Amino acid sequence: MRLPGYVFHNVGSLVNDPKLDVIHGCIFHVTATNVSPLHYFDGPSQGIESTGYIPKSNANPKEQYRDTTREADANYKANSWIGTDGSRHGFLSFETQGLGSGSWTKYQLDEIKDVILVTHDEHGFPLHKCPSYHGYGVGYHTLFPEWSNVPGKTCPGPARIKQFNQIIVPWLAEQHNKFYVWKQGDTVKSVADKFNTTILNLWRLNPGSDLPFRTNDSVRVR
């Protein structure tokens, strides 16, 4: 998908970036510079890029470099892999503007939350901290050694890791409780009754969703 509100730049070549069948979640990075990584990804990086980029404020545009169904190569062993189901799995990655010693701004934290929800709605990964390097969920670059090939790296930096654990993780738990994964045999009435709501309210909470809901759809219920 093309992310709403992001300026799309199809950097480099797609030769080494295959299509992803299963999206496991989002991984967040820091650029360690105060400029957009666009020009670096479009040549000097030699084929390494993130899915997108979040600046410190709306004074600069949010940028997208790969469709969310394409591999982005900033996550080492989480870029993509073939699962036991024969499908290609992988994570989305987002650079955030700033130096290693800084913190995410309020604008960045709000945009991180927004892009998590938008990509969750599109791809259905769970809203929790990722439990393993090939698990499902949301994380930061150095959460697992398999996500970074640079020993000793602290990306996105100690202060942002603290923000991730103290702000993003509790927020993820709140969001997780608002959604229900549709199971085979569910009906709109049975799920509405389960969450003490109405069929009409379920439809109102999920604008733009295909109806009827399908097995494994992530459906907002609160």
N, C-alpha and C. Protein backbone atom coordinates (compact mmCIF):
# COMPACT_ATOMS: atom_id res chain seq x y z
N MET A 1 0.84 -1.19 0.00
CA MET A 1 0.00 0.00 0.00
C MET A 1 0.88 1.25 0.00
N ARG A 2 0.32 2.33 -0.50
CA ARG A 2 0.95 3.64 -0.39
C ARG A 2 0.37 4.30 0.86
N LEU A 3 1.23 4.76 1.74
CA LEU A 3 0.81 5.29 3.03
C LEU A 3 0.18 6.67 2.87
N PRO A 4 -0.99 6.90 3.43
CA PRO A 4 -1.63 8.23 3.31
C PRO A 4 -0.79 9.30 4.01
N GLY A 5 -0.60 10.42 3.32
CA GLY A 5 0.15 11.52 3.88
C GLY A 5 1.65 11.45 3.66
N TYR A 6 2.13 10.39 3.02
CA TYR A 6 3.55 10.24 2.74
C TYR A 6 3.83 10.57 1.27
N VAL A 7 4.98 11.19 1.01
CA VAL A 7 5.42 11.43 -0.36
C VAL A 7 6.19 10.20 -0.82
N PHE A 8 5.75 9.60 -1.93
CA PHE A 8 6.36 8.34 -2.38
C PHE A 8 7.55 8.61 -3.30
N HIS A 9 8.69 7.98 -2.99
CA HIS A 9 9.89 8.02 -3.83
C HIS A 9 10.33 6.57 -4.03
N ASN A 10 10.25 6.07 -5.24
CA ASN A 10 10.62 4.68 -5.51
C ASN A 10 12.13 4.62 -5.73
N VAL A 11 12.89 4.55 -4.63
CA VAL A 11 14.35 4.68 -4.72
C VAL A 11 14.98 3.42 -5.30
N GLY A 12 16.15 3.61 -5.94
CA GLY A 12 16.96 2.49 -6.38
C GLY A 12 16.25 1.52 -7.28
N SER A 13 16.68 0.28 -7.22
CA SER A 13 16.15 -0.79 -8.06
C SER A 13 15.37 -1.77 -7.21
N LEU A 14 14.34 -2.39 -7.80
CA LEU A 14 13.56 -3.41 -7.10
C LEU A 14 14.13 -4.81 -7.30
N VAL A 15 15.27 -4.92 -7.98
CA VAL A 15 15.82 -6.23 -8.32
C VAL A 15 16.01 -7.10 -7.09
N ASN A 16 16.51 -6.50 -6.00
CA ASN A 16 16.78 -7.27 -4.79
C ASN A 16 15.68 -7.14 -3.74
N ASP A 17 14.53 -6.62 -4.14
CA ASP A 17 13.45 -6.39 -3.19
C ASP A 17 12.19 -7.12 -3.62
N PRO A 18 12.08 -8.41 -3.28
CA PRO A 18 10.93 -9.19 -3.73
C PRO A 18 9.63 -8.79 -3.03
N LYS A 19 8.54 -9.26 -3.57
CA LYS A 19 7.22 -8.99 -2.99
C LYS A 19 7.06 -9.79 -1.70
N LEU A 20 6.47 -9.16 -0.70
CA LEU A 20 6.19 -9.83 0.57
C LEU A 20 4.75 -10.35 0.58
N ASP A 21 4.60 -11.58 1.05
CA ASP A 21 3.27 -12.17 1.16
C ASP A 21 2.66 -11.96 2.54
N VAL A 22 3.51 -11.97 3.57
CA VAL A 22 3.05 -11.86 4.96
C VAL A 22 3.85 -10.77 5.66
N ILE A 23 3.17 -9.77 6.20
CA ILE A 23 3.83 -8.67 6.92
C ILE A 23 3.76 -8.96 8.41
N HIS A 24 4.92 -9.01 9.07
CA HIS A 24 4.97 -9.37 10.50
C HIS A 24 4.80 -8.18 11.43
N GLY A 25 5.07 -6.95 10.94
CA GLY A 25 4.95 -5.79 11.80
C GLY A 25 5.87 -4.66 11.37
N CYS A 26 6.15 -3.74 12.28
CA CYS A 26 6.97 -2.56 12.00
C CYS A 26 8.19 -2.52 12.91
N ILE A 27 9.33 -2.11 12.34
CA ILE A 27 10.56 -1.89 13.09
C ILE A 27 10.97 -0.43 12.91
N PHE A 28 11.29 0.24 14.03
CA PHE A 28 11.61 1.67 13.99
C PHE A 28 13.09 1.92 14.22
N HIS A 29 13.65 2.84 13.43
CA HIS A 29 15.07 3.19 13.41
C HIS A 29 15.23 4.68 13.66
N VAL A 30 16.50 5.13 13.81
CA VAL A 30 16.81 6.55 13.78
C VAL A 30 17.87 6.77 12.70
N THR A 31 17.79 7.89 12.00
CA THR A 31 18.71 8.13 10.89
C THR A 31 20.13 8.44 11.36
N ALA A 32 20.27 8.95 12.59
CA ALA A 32 21.57 9.43 13.11
C ALA A 32 22.07 10.64 12.33
N THR A 33 21.17 11.30 11.62
CA THR A 33 21.45 12.58 10.96
C THR A 33 20.19 13.42 11.08
N ASN A 34 20.28 14.68 10.73
CA ASN A 34 19.10 15.54 10.75
C ASN A 34 18.60 15.86 9.35
N VAL A 35 18.92 14.99 8.39
CA VAL A 35 18.42 15.16 7.03
C VAL A 35 17.71 13.89 6.60
N SER A 36 16.85 14.02 5.61
CA SER A 36 16.15 12.88 5.05
C SER A 36 17.15 11.88 4.46
N PRO A 37 16.89 10.58 4.60
CA PRO A 37 17.77 9.57 4.01
C PRO A 37 17.50 9.31 2.53
N LEU A 38 16.61 10.11 1.90
CA LEU A 38 16.22 9.88 0.51
C LEU A 38 17.41 9.73 -0.41
N HIS A 39 18.32 10.68 -0.40
CA HIS A 39 19.42 10.65 -1.36
C HIS A 39 20.43 9.54 -1.04
N TYR A 40 20.55 9.19 0.23
CA TYR A 40 21.42 8.06 0.60
C TYR A 40 20.82 6.75 0.10
N PHE A 41 19.51 6.57 0.30
CA PHE A 41 18.86 5.34 -0.15
C PHE A 41 18.82 5.24 -1.67
N ASP A 42 18.88 6.36 -2.36
CA ASP A 42 18.75 6.36 -3.81
C ASP A 42 20.10 6.24 -4.51
N GLY A 43 21.08 5.63 -3.86
CA GLY A 43 22.38 5.44 -4.50
C GLY A 43 23.47 4.95 -3.58
N PRO A 44 24.01 5.82 -2.69
CA PRO A 44 25.15 5.43 -1.85
C PRO A 44 24.90 4.23 -0.95
N SER A 45 23.65 3.98 -0.57
CA SER A 45 23.36 2.86 0.34
C SER A 45 23.55 1.51 -0.33
N GLN A 46 23.65 1.49 -1.66
CA GLN A 46 23.85 0.26 -2.44
C GLN A 46 22.76 -0.78 -2.18
N GLY A 47 21.52 -0.33 -2.24
CA GLY A 47 20.40 -1.26 -2.16
C GLY A 47 19.77 -1.40 -0.80
N ILE A 48 20.23 -0.64 0.18
CA ILE A 48 19.61 -0.67 1.50
C ILE A 48 18.63 0.50 1.59
N GLU A 49 17.43 0.24 2.09
CA GLU A 49 16.42 1.28 2.25
C GLU A 49 15.40 0.85 3.29
N SER A 50 14.67 1.83 3.81
CA SER A 50 13.56 1.56 4.70
C SER A 50 12.25 1.71 3.94
N THR A 51 11.17 1.27 4.56
CA THR A 51 9.85 1.48 3.96
C THR A 51 9.50 2.96 3.94
N GLY A 52 9.83 3.67 5.03
CA GLY A 52 9.46 5.08 5.10
C GLY A 52 10.29 5.85 6.10
N TYR A 53 9.99 7.14 6.20
CA TYR A 53 10.76 8.08 7.03
C TYR A 53 9.83 9.08 7.68
N ILE A 54 10.06 9.31 9.00
CA ILE A 54 9.25 10.25 9.77
C ILE A 54 10.15 11.37 10.28
N PRO A 55 9.94 12.61 9.83
CA PRO A 55 10.75 13.75 10.30
C PRO A 55 10.34 14.16 11.72
N LYS A 56 11.06 15.15 12.27
CA LYS A 56 10.77 15.61 13.63
C LYS A 56 9.49 16.42 13.72
N SER A 57 9.09 17.05 12.63
CA SER A 57 7.89 17.88 12.64
C SER A 57 7.29 17.91 11.25
N ASN A 58 6.12 18.51 11.14
CA ASN A 58 5.47 18.59 9.83
C ASN A 58 6.06 19.68 8.95
N ALA A 59 7.17 20.29 9.41
CA ALA A 59 7.88 21.25 8.55
C ALA A 59 8.53 20.55 7.37
N ASN A 60 8.76 19.24 7.49
CA ASN A 60 9.32 18.43 6.41
C ASN A 60 8.37 17.27 6.12
N PRO A 61 8.37 16.77 4.88
CA PRO A 61 7.42 15.72 4.52
C PRO A 61 7.79 14.35 5.06
N LYS A 62 6.78 13.56 5.34
CA LYS A 62 6.99 12.13 5.58
C LYS A 62 7.24 11.49 4.21
N GLU A 63 8.16 10.54 4.15
CA GLU A 63 8.53 9.94 2.87
C GLU A 63 8.38 8.42 2.91
N GLN A 64 7.98 7.86 1.77
CA GLN A 64 7.88 6.41 1.62
C GLN A 64 8.77 5.98 0.46
N TYR A 65 9.55 4.92 0.68
CA TYR A 65 10.53 4.48 -0.32
C TYR A 65 10.21 3.11 -0.92
N ARG A 66 9.38 2.35 -0.24
CA ARG A 66 8.94 1.06 -0.75
C ARG A 66 7.47 0.89 -0.43
N ASP A 67 6.72 0.30 -1.36
CA ASP A 67 5.36 -0.12 -1.07
C ASP A 67 5.41 -1.09 0.12
N THR A 68 4.36 -1.13 0.92
CA THR A 68 4.38 -1.99 2.11
C THR A 68 4.35 -3.48 1.76
N THR A 69 4.15 -3.81 0.50
CA THR A 69 4.21 -5.22 0.09
C THR A 69 5.55 -5.57 -0.55
N ARG A 70 6.55 -4.68 -0.42
CA ARG A 70 7.89 -4.92 -0.96
C ARG A 70 8.92 -4.99 0.17
N GLU A 71 9.90 -5.86 0.02
CA GLU A 71 10.99 -5.94 0.98
C GLU A 71 11.72 -4.61 1.08
N ALA A 72 12.05 -4.21 2.31
CA ALA A 72 12.93 -3.06 2.56
C ALA A 72 14.11 -3.60 3.37
N ASP A 73 15.32 -3.17 3.03
CA ASP A 73 16.52 -3.90 3.44
C ASP A 73 17.27 -3.33 4.64
N ALA A 74 16.59 -2.67 5.56
CA ALA A 74 17.28 -2.06 6.70
C ALA A 74 17.24 -2.92 7.96
N ASN A 75 16.65 -4.13 7.86
CA ASN A 75 16.38 -4.92 9.07
C ASN A 75 17.16 -6.23 9.16
N TYR A 76 18.22 -6.37 8.34
CA TYR A 76 19.08 -7.57 8.38
C TYR A 76 18.23 -8.83 8.19
N LYS A 77 18.18 -9.73 9.15
CA LYS A 77 17.48 -11.01 8.96
C LYS A 77 15.96 -10.88 9.02
N ALA A 78 15.47 -9.68 9.33
CA ALA A 78 14.02 -9.45 9.31
C ALA A 78 13.56 -8.80 8.02
N ASN A 79 14.49 -8.58 7.06
CA ASN A 79 14.09 -7.99 5.78
C ASN A 79 13.03 -8.86 5.12
N SER A 80 13.38 -10.12 4.86
CA SER A 80 12.41 -11.10 4.37
C SER A 80 13.01 -12.49 4.47
N TRP A 81 12.14 -13.47 4.51
CA TRP A 81 12.57 -14.86 4.57
C TRP A 81 11.40 -15.73 4.11
N ILE A 82 11.72 -16.95 3.69
CA ILE A 82 10.68 -17.89 3.28
C ILE A 82 10.25 -18.70 4.50
N GLY A 83 8.96 -18.62 4.83
CA GLY A 83 8.44 -19.34 5.98
C GLY A 83 8.17 -20.81 5.68
N THR A 84 7.78 -21.55 6.69
CA THR A 84 7.47 -22.97 6.52
C THR A 84 6.24 -23.17 5.63
N ASP A 85 5.45 -22.10 5.45
CA ASP A 85 4.28 -22.18 4.58
C ASP A 85 4.63 -21.92 3.11
N GLY A 86 5.93 -21.67 2.83
CA GLY A 86 6.35 -21.41 1.46
C GLY A 86 6.16 -19.97 1.01
N SER A 87 5.61 -19.12 1.88
CA SER A 87 5.39 -17.72 1.54
C SER A 87 6.58 -16.87 1.99
N ARG A 88 6.73 -15.70 1.39
CA ARG A 88 7.79 -14.78 1.80
C ARG A 88 7.26 -13.85 2.88
N HIS A 89 7.92 -13.87 4.03
CA HIS A 89 7.55 -13.08 5.19
C HIS A 89 8.54 -11.94 5.37
N GLY A 90 8.13 -10.86 6.04
CA GLY A 90 9.06 -9.77 6.30
C GLY A 90 8.45 -8.68 7.16
N PHE A 91 9.29 -7.73 7.56
CA PHE A 91 8.88 -6.59 8.37
C PHE A 91 8.95 -5.30 7.56
N LEU A 92 8.14 -4.33 7.94
CA LEU A 92 8.26 -2.97 7.46
C LEU A 92 9.27 -2.24 8.34
N SER A 93 9.94 -1.23 7.78
CA SER A 93 10.92 -0.48 8.57
C SER A 93 10.72 1.01 8.36
N PHE A 94 10.87 1.78 9.44
CA PHE A 94 10.68 3.22 9.38
C PHE A 94 11.83 3.94 10.05
N GLU A 95 12.50 4.80 9.27
CA GLU A 95 13.52 5.68 9.81
C GLU A 95 12.84 6.87 10.47
N THR A 96 13.43 7.36 11.57
CA THR A 96 12.95 8.58 12.20
C THR A 96 14.11 9.57 12.28
N GLN A 97 13.82 10.82 11.99
CA GLN A 97 14.86 11.85 11.97
C GLN A 97 15.44 12.08 13.36
N GLY A 98 16.77 12.20 13.44
CA GLY A 98 17.39 12.54 14.72
C GLY A 98 18.74 11.90 14.89
N LEU A 99 19.47 12.37 15.88
CA LEU A 99 20.77 11.83 16.23
C LEU A 99 20.59 10.71 17.26
N GLY A 100 21.62 9.91 17.43
CA GLY A 100 21.50 8.75 18.31
C GLY A 100 21.18 9.10 19.75
N SER A 101 21.59 10.28 20.20
CA SER A 101 21.41 10.65 21.60
C SER A 101 20.08 11.32 21.90
N GLY A 102 19.26 11.57 20.90
CA GLY A 102 18.03 12.32 21.10
C GLY A 102 16.82 11.47 21.43
N SER A 103 15.68 12.15 21.51
CA SER A 103 14.39 11.51 21.78
C SER A 103 13.44 11.75 20.61
N TRP A 104 12.42 10.93 20.50
CA TRP A 104 11.36 11.19 19.54
C TRP A 104 10.55 12.39 20.00
N THR A 105 10.21 13.27 19.07
CA THR A 105 9.33 14.40 19.39
C THR A 105 7.90 13.91 19.52
N LYS A 106 7.03 14.78 20.08
CA LYS A 106 5.61 14.42 20.16
C LYS A 106 5.06 14.13 18.77
N TYR A 107 5.46 14.93 17.79
CA TYR A 107 5.01 14.70 16.42
C TYR A 107 5.41 13.30 15.95
N GLN A 108 6.65 12.91 16.20
CA GLN A 108 7.11 11.59 15.77
C GLN A 108 6.37 10.48 16.50
N LEU A 109 6.15 10.63 17.80
CA LEU A 109 5.42 9.61 18.53
C LEU A 109 4.00 9.45 17.98
N ASP A 110 3.36 10.58 17.68
CA ASP A 110 2.01 10.51 17.11
C ASP A 110 2.02 9.84 15.74
N GLU A 111 3.03 10.15 14.92
CA GLU A 111 3.12 9.56 13.59
C GLU A 111 3.49 8.08 13.66
N ILE A 112 4.32 7.69 14.62
CA ILE A 112 4.64 6.28 14.82
C ILE A 112 3.36 5.50 15.15
N LYS A 113 2.56 6.04 16.05
CA LYS A 113 1.30 5.39 16.39
C LYS A 113 0.38 5.29 15.18
N ASP A 114 0.32 6.37 14.41
CA ASP A 114 -0.56 6.39 13.24
C ASP A 114 -0.14 5.36 12.20
N VAL A 115 1.17 5.28 11.90
CA VAL A 115 1.61 4.35 10.86
C VAL A 115 1.47 2.90 11.34
N ILE A 116 1.60 2.67 12.64
CA ILE A 116 1.35 1.32 13.16
C ILE A 116 -0.11 0.93 12.91
N LEU A 117 -1.04 1.83 13.22
CA LEU A 117 -2.46 1.51 13.04
C LEU A 117 -2.83 1.34 11.57
N VAL A 118 -2.29 2.22 10.72
CA VAL A 118 -2.61 2.15 9.28
C VAL A 118 -2.10 0.83 8.69
N THR A 119 -0.87 0.47 9.01
CA THR A 119 -0.32 -0.77 8.44
C THR A 119 -0.92 -2.00 9.11
N HIS A 120 -1.28 -1.89 10.38
CA HIS A 120 -2.00 -2.98 11.05
C HIS A 120 -3.34 -3.23 10.37
N ASP A 121 -4.07 -2.16 10.08
CA ASP A 121 -5.36 -2.32 9.40
C ASP A 121 -5.21 -2.99 8.05
N GLU A 122 -4.12 -2.65 7.34
CA GLU A 122 -3.91 -3.20 6.00
C GLU A 122 -3.39 -4.63 6.03
N HIS A 123 -2.50 -4.94 6.98
CA HIS A 123 -1.77 -6.22 6.92
C HIS A 123 -2.08 -7.17 8.07
N GLY A 124 -2.75 -6.69 9.12
CA GLY A 124 -3.28 -7.60 10.14
C GLY A 124 -2.30 -8.13 11.17
N PHE A 125 -1.10 -7.55 11.31
CA PHE A 125 -0.19 -8.04 12.35
C PHE A 125 -0.70 -7.62 13.73
N PRO A 126 -0.32 -8.33 14.79
CA PRO A 126 -0.84 -8.00 16.12
C PRO A 126 -0.22 -6.74 16.71
N LEU A 127 -0.97 -6.10 17.59
CA LEU A 127 -0.52 -4.85 18.20
C LEU A 127 0.10 -5.13 19.56
N HIS A 128 1.32 -5.63 19.54
CA HIS A 128 2.09 -5.82 20.76
C HIS A 128 3.59 -5.77 20.42
N LYS A 129 4.42 -5.71 21.46
CA LYS A 129 5.86 -5.72 21.27
C LYS A 129 6.28 -7.07 20.71
N CYS A 130 7.08 -7.05 19.67
CA CYS A 130 7.45 -8.29 18.99
C CYS A 130 8.20 -9.21 19.96
N PRO A 131 7.81 -10.48 20.08
CA PRO A 131 8.43 -11.38 21.06
C PRO A 131 9.69 -12.09 20.58
N SER A 132 9.94 -12.10 19.28
CA SER A 132 11.11 -12.81 18.74
C SER A 132 11.46 -12.24 17.38
N TYR A 133 12.65 -12.51 16.88
CA TYR A 133 13.11 -11.82 15.67
C TYR A 133 12.32 -12.22 14.43
N HIS A 134 11.69 -13.37 14.40
CA HIS A 134 10.79 -13.75 13.32
C HIS A 134 9.35 -13.85 13.82
N GLY A 135 9.06 -13.17 14.93
CA GLY A 135 7.71 -13.16 15.47
C GLY A 135 6.85 -12.11 14.79
N TYR A 136 5.76 -11.75 15.44
CA TYR A 136 4.83 -10.75 14.91
C TYR A 136 4.68 -9.62 15.92
N GLY A 137 4.66 -8.38 15.42
CA GLY A 137 4.44 -7.25 16.29
C GLY A 137 5.28 -6.05 15.91
N VAL A 138 5.56 -5.21 16.89
CA VAL A 138 6.23 -3.93 16.67
C VAL A 138 7.51 -3.90 17.51
N GLY A 139 8.58 -3.32 16.95
CA GLY A 139 9.83 -3.26 17.70
C GLY A 139 10.72 -2.13 17.22
N TYR A 140 11.93 -2.10 17.75
CA TYR A 140 12.95 -1.12 17.35
C TYR A 140 14.18 -1.88 16.85
N HIS A 141 15.07 -1.19 16.14
CA HIS A 141 16.11 -1.83 15.34
C HIS A 141 16.98 -2.81 16.12
N THR A 142 17.40 -2.48 17.33
CA THR A 142 18.31 -3.35 18.07
C THR A 142 17.59 -4.19 19.12
N LEU A 143 16.28 -4.36 18.97
CA LEU A 143 15.54 -5.22 19.91
C LEU A 143 16.10 -6.64 19.89
N PHE A 144 16.47 -7.12 18.70
CA PHE A 144 17.07 -8.45 18.56
C PHE A 144 18.35 -8.35 17.75
N PRO A 145 19.40 -9.11 18.09
CA PRO A 145 20.64 -9.04 17.31
C PRO A 145 20.45 -9.45 15.86
N GLU A 146 19.44 -10.24 15.57
CA GLU A 146 19.17 -10.67 14.19
C GLU A 146 18.58 -9.54 13.34
N TRP A 147 18.23 -8.42 13.97
CA TRP A 147 17.68 -7.29 13.22
C TRP A 147 18.75 -6.27 12.82
N SER A 148 19.96 -6.41 13.33
CA SER A 148 21.04 -5.47 13.00
C SER A 148 22.35 -6.24 12.87
N ASN A 149 23.10 -5.96 11.79
CA ASN A 149 24.37 -6.65 11.58
C ASN A 149 25.56 -5.82 12.04
N VAL A 150 25.31 -4.81 12.89
CA VAL A 150 26.39 -3.96 13.42
C VAL A 150 26.50 -4.20 14.92
N PRO A 151 27.49 -4.97 15.39
CA PRO A 151 27.63 -5.23 16.83
C PRO A 151 27.79 -3.94 17.63
N GLY A 152 27.11 -3.85 18.76
CA GLY A 152 27.21 -2.69 19.62
C GLY A 152 26.32 -1.52 19.24
N LYS A 153 25.61 -1.63 18.14
CA LYS A 153 24.73 -0.54 17.71
C LYS A 153 23.57 -0.39 18.70
N THR A 154 23.13 0.85 18.94
CA THR A 154 22.04 1.09 19.90
C THR A 154 20.79 1.68 19.25
N CYS A 155 20.72 1.72 17.93
CA CYS A 155 19.59 2.30 17.20
C CYS A 155 18.24 1.80 17.73
N PRO A 156 17.32 2.67 18.04
CA PRO A 156 17.25 4.11 17.76
C PRO A 156 17.79 5.00 18.88
N GLY A 157 18.62 4.48 19.75
CA GLY A 157 19.22 5.26 20.82
C GLY A 157 18.55 4.99 22.16
N PRO A 158 19.29 5.12 23.27
CA PRO A 158 18.76 4.78 24.59
C PRO A 158 17.48 5.53 24.98
N ALA A 159 17.42 6.82 24.69
CA ALA A 159 16.23 7.59 25.08
C ALA A 159 15.00 7.13 24.31
N ARG A 160 15.17 6.82 23.02
CA ARG A 160 14.02 6.38 22.21
C ARG A 160 13.60 4.96 22.61
N ILE A 161 14.56 4.12 22.96
CA ILE A 161 14.20 2.78 23.44
C ILE A 161 13.37 2.89 24.71
N LYS A 162 13.75 3.82 25.58
CA LYS A 162 12.97 4.06 26.80
C LYS A 162 11.57 4.55 26.43
N GLN A 163 11.47 5.47 25.46
CA GLN A 163 10.15 5.93 25.01
C GLN A 163 9.33 4.79 24.44
N PHE A 164 9.99 3.92 23.68
CA PHE A 164 9.28 2.78 23.09
C PHE A 164 8.64 1.93 24.19
N ASN A 165 9.43 1.62 25.22
CA ASN A 165 8.93 0.74 26.28
C ASN A 165 7.94 1.43 27.21
N GLN A 166 8.10 2.73 27.43
CA GLN A 166 7.25 3.42 28.39
C GLN A 166 6.04 4.09 27.76
N ILE A 167 6.10 4.36 26.45
CA ILE A 167 4.99 5.04 25.77
C ILE A 167 4.32 4.14 24.73
N ILE A 168 5.11 3.61 23.81
CA ILE A 168 4.54 2.83 22.71
C ILE A 168 3.98 1.49 23.19
N VAL A 169 4.70 0.78 24.04
CA VAL A 169 4.23 -0.55 24.47
C VAL A 169 2.90 -0.47 25.24
N PRO A 170 2.75 0.43 26.23
CA PRO A 170 1.42 0.55 26.88
C PRO A 170 0.32 0.97 25.91
N TRP A 171 0.66 1.85 24.99
CA TRP A 171 -0.33 2.28 23.98
C TRP A 171 -0.74 1.09 23.11
N LEU A 172 0.22 0.24 22.73
CA LEU A 172 -0.10 -0.95 21.94
C LEU A 172 -1.09 -1.84 22.69
N ALA A 173 -0.88 -1.99 23.99
CA ALA A 173 -1.79 -2.83 24.79
C ALA A 173 -3.20 -2.25 24.77
N GLU A 174 -3.31 -0.93 24.87
CA GLU A 174 -4.63 -0.29 24.81
C GLU A 174 -5.29 -0.54 23.46
N GLN A 175 -4.51 -0.41 22.37
CA GLN A 175 -5.06 -0.62 21.03
C GLN A 175 -5.44 -2.07 20.80
N HIS A 176 -4.61 -2.98 21.32
CA HIS A 176 -4.88 -4.42 21.14
C HIS A 176 -6.26 -4.78 21.65
N ASN A 177 -6.66 -4.18 22.76
CA ASN A 177 -7.96 -4.50 23.36
C ASN A 177 -9.14 -3.96 22.57
N LYS A 178 -8.86 -3.10 21.58
CA LYS A 178 -9.93 -2.54 20.76
C LYS A 178 -10.24 -3.39 19.53
N PHE A 179 -9.40 -4.42 19.27
CA PHE A 179 -9.53 -5.19 18.04
C PHE A 179 -9.79 -6.67 18.34
N TYR A 180 -10.43 -7.32 17.39
CA TYR A 180 -10.72 -8.75 17.49
C TYR A 180 -10.36 -9.39 16.15
N VAL A 181 -9.66 -10.52 16.20
CA VAL A 181 -9.31 -11.24 14.97
C VAL A 181 -10.44 -12.20 14.63
N TRP A 182 -11.04 -11.98 13.48
CA TRP A 182 -12.22 -12.74 13.04
C TRP A 182 -11.85 -14.21 12.85
N LYS A 183 -12.66 -15.09 13.43
CA LYS A 183 -12.40 -16.53 13.36
C LYS A 183 -13.40 -17.21 12.43
N GLN A 184 -12.98 -18.35 11.92
CA GLN A 184 -13.88 -19.12 11.05
C GLN A 184 -15.14 -19.48 11.83
N GLY A 185 -16.29 -19.24 11.23
CA GLY A 185 -17.56 -19.52 11.89
C GLY A 185 -18.17 -18.33 12.59
N ASP A 186 -17.38 -17.24 12.78
CA ASP A 186 -17.94 -16.03 13.38
C ASP A 186 -19.00 -15.42 12.48
N THR A 187 -19.99 -14.81 13.09
CA THR A 187 -20.95 -13.98 12.35
C THR A 187 -20.92 -12.58 12.97
N VAL A 188 -21.41 -11.60 12.23
CA VAL A 188 -21.43 -10.24 12.77
C VAL A 188 -22.25 -10.20 14.06
N LYS A 189 -23.36 -10.94 14.10
CA LYS A 189 -24.19 -10.93 15.30
C LYS A 189 -23.48 -11.58 16.47
N SER A 190 -22.80 -12.72 16.23
CA SER A 190 -22.15 -13.40 17.35
C SER A 190 -21.02 -12.57 17.94
N VAL A 191 -20.28 -11.85 17.09
CA VAL A 191 -19.19 -11.01 17.58
C VAL A 191 -19.75 -9.77 18.26
N ALA A 192 -20.82 -9.18 17.70
CA ALA A 192 -21.45 -8.04 18.34
C ALA A 192 -21.93 -8.41 19.74
N ASP A 193 -22.55 -9.58 19.87
CA ASP A 193 -23.04 -10.04 21.18
C ASP A 193 -21.87 -10.28 22.13
N LYS A 194 -20.77 -10.83 21.61
CA LYS A 194 -19.60 -11.14 22.43
C LYS A 194 -19.03 -9.88 23.10
N PHE A 195 -19.07 -8.76 22.37
CA PHE A 195 -18.50 -7.52 22.88
C PHE A 195 -19.57 -6.51 23.32
N ASN A 196 -20.79 -7.02 23.51
CA ASN A 196 -21.89 -6.20 24.04
C ASN A 196 -22.08 -4.93 23.21
N THR A 197 -22.10 -5.10 21.89
CA THR A 197 -22.33 -3.97 21.00
C THR A 197 -23.38 -4.36 19.97
N THR A 198 -23.55 -3.57 18.93
CA THR A 198 -24.56 -3.85 17.91
C THR A 198 -23.89 -4.08 16.56
N ILE A 199 -24.60 -4.72 15.67
CA ILE A 199 -24.10 -4.93 14.31
C ILE A 199 -23.82 -3.59 13.65
N LEU A 200 -24.73 -2.63 13.81
CA LEU A 200 -24.55 -1.31 13.22
C LEU A 200 -23.27 -0.64 13.74
N ASN A 201 -23.01 -0.78 15.04
CA ASN A 201 -21.81 -0.15 15.60
C ASN A 201 -20.54 -0.80 15.07
N LEU A 202 -20.53 -2.11 14.86
CA LEU A 202 -19.37 -2.77 14.27
C LEU A 202 -19.08 -2.21 12.89
N TRP A 203 -20.10 -2.01 12.10
CA TRP A 203 -19.90 -1.45 10.76
C TRP A 203 -19.37 -0.02 10.85
N ARG A 204 -19.90 0.75 11.81
CA ARG A 204 -19.45 2.14 11.96
C ARG A 204 -17.99 2.20 12.42
N LEU A 205 -17.55 1.23 13.24
CA LEU A 205 -16.17 1.21 13.75
C LEU A 205 -15.17 0.77 12.69
N ASN A 206 -15.64 0.21 11.59
CA ASN A 206 -14.74 -0.33 10.57
C ASN A 206 -15.06 0.23 9.18
N PRO A 207 -14.99 1.55 9.03
CA PRO A 207 -15.32 2.15 7.73
C PRO A 207 -14.35 1.70 6.65
N GLY A 208 -14.88 1.39 5.50
CA GLY A 208 -14.04 0.98 4.39
C GLY A 208 -13.68 -0.49 4.37
N SER A 209 -14.06 -1.24 5.40
CA SER A 209 -13.75 -2.67 5.42
C SER A 209 -14.65 -3.43 4.45
N ASP A 210 -14.10 -4.51 3.90
CA ASP A 210 -14.91 -5.38 3.05
C ASP A 210 -15.89 -6.15 3.93
N LEU A 211 -17.13 -6.22 3.50
CA LEU A 211 -18.16 -6.97 4.21
C LEU A 211 -18.66 -8.09 3.32
N PRO A 212 -18.95 -9.28 3.90
CA PRO A 212 -18.81 -9.58 5.33
C PRO A 212 -17.34 -9.69 5.74
N PHE A 213 -17.07 -9.57 7.05
CA PHE A 213 -15.70 -9.74 7.53
C PHE A 213 -15.22 -11.16 7.22
N ARG A 214 -13.92 -11.28 7.03
CA ARG A 214 -13.34 -12.57 6.64
C ARG A 214 -12.46 -13.13 7.75
N THR A 215 -12.26 -14.43 7.74
CA THR A 215 -11.38 -15.08 8.71
C THR A 215 -10.01 -14.42 8.71
N ASN A 216 -9.52 -14.12 9.90
CA ASN A 216 -8.21 -13.47 10.16
C ASN A 216 -8.23 -11.96 9.95
N ASP A 217 -9.37 -11.37 9.55
CA ASP A 217 -9.47 -9.91 9.51
C ASP A 217 -9.33 -9.37 10.95
N SER A 218 -8.65 -8.23 11.08
CA SER A 218 -8.55 -7.54 12.35
C SER A 218 -9.68 -6.51 12.40
N VAL A 219 -10.66 -6.72 13.26
CA VAL A 219 -11.88 -5.94 13.28
C VAL A 219 -11.94 -5.13 14.57
N ARG A 220 -12.16 -3.82 14.44
CA ARG A 220 -12.29 -2.99 15.64
C ARG A 220 -13.65 -3.25 16.28
N VAL A 221 -13.63 -3.48 17.60
CA VAL A 221 -14.86 -3.81 18.31
C VAL A 221 -15.17 -2.81 19.43
N ARG A 222 -14.21 -1.89 19.71
CA ARG A 222 -14.43 -0.89 20.76
C ARG A 222 -14.00 0.47 20.24
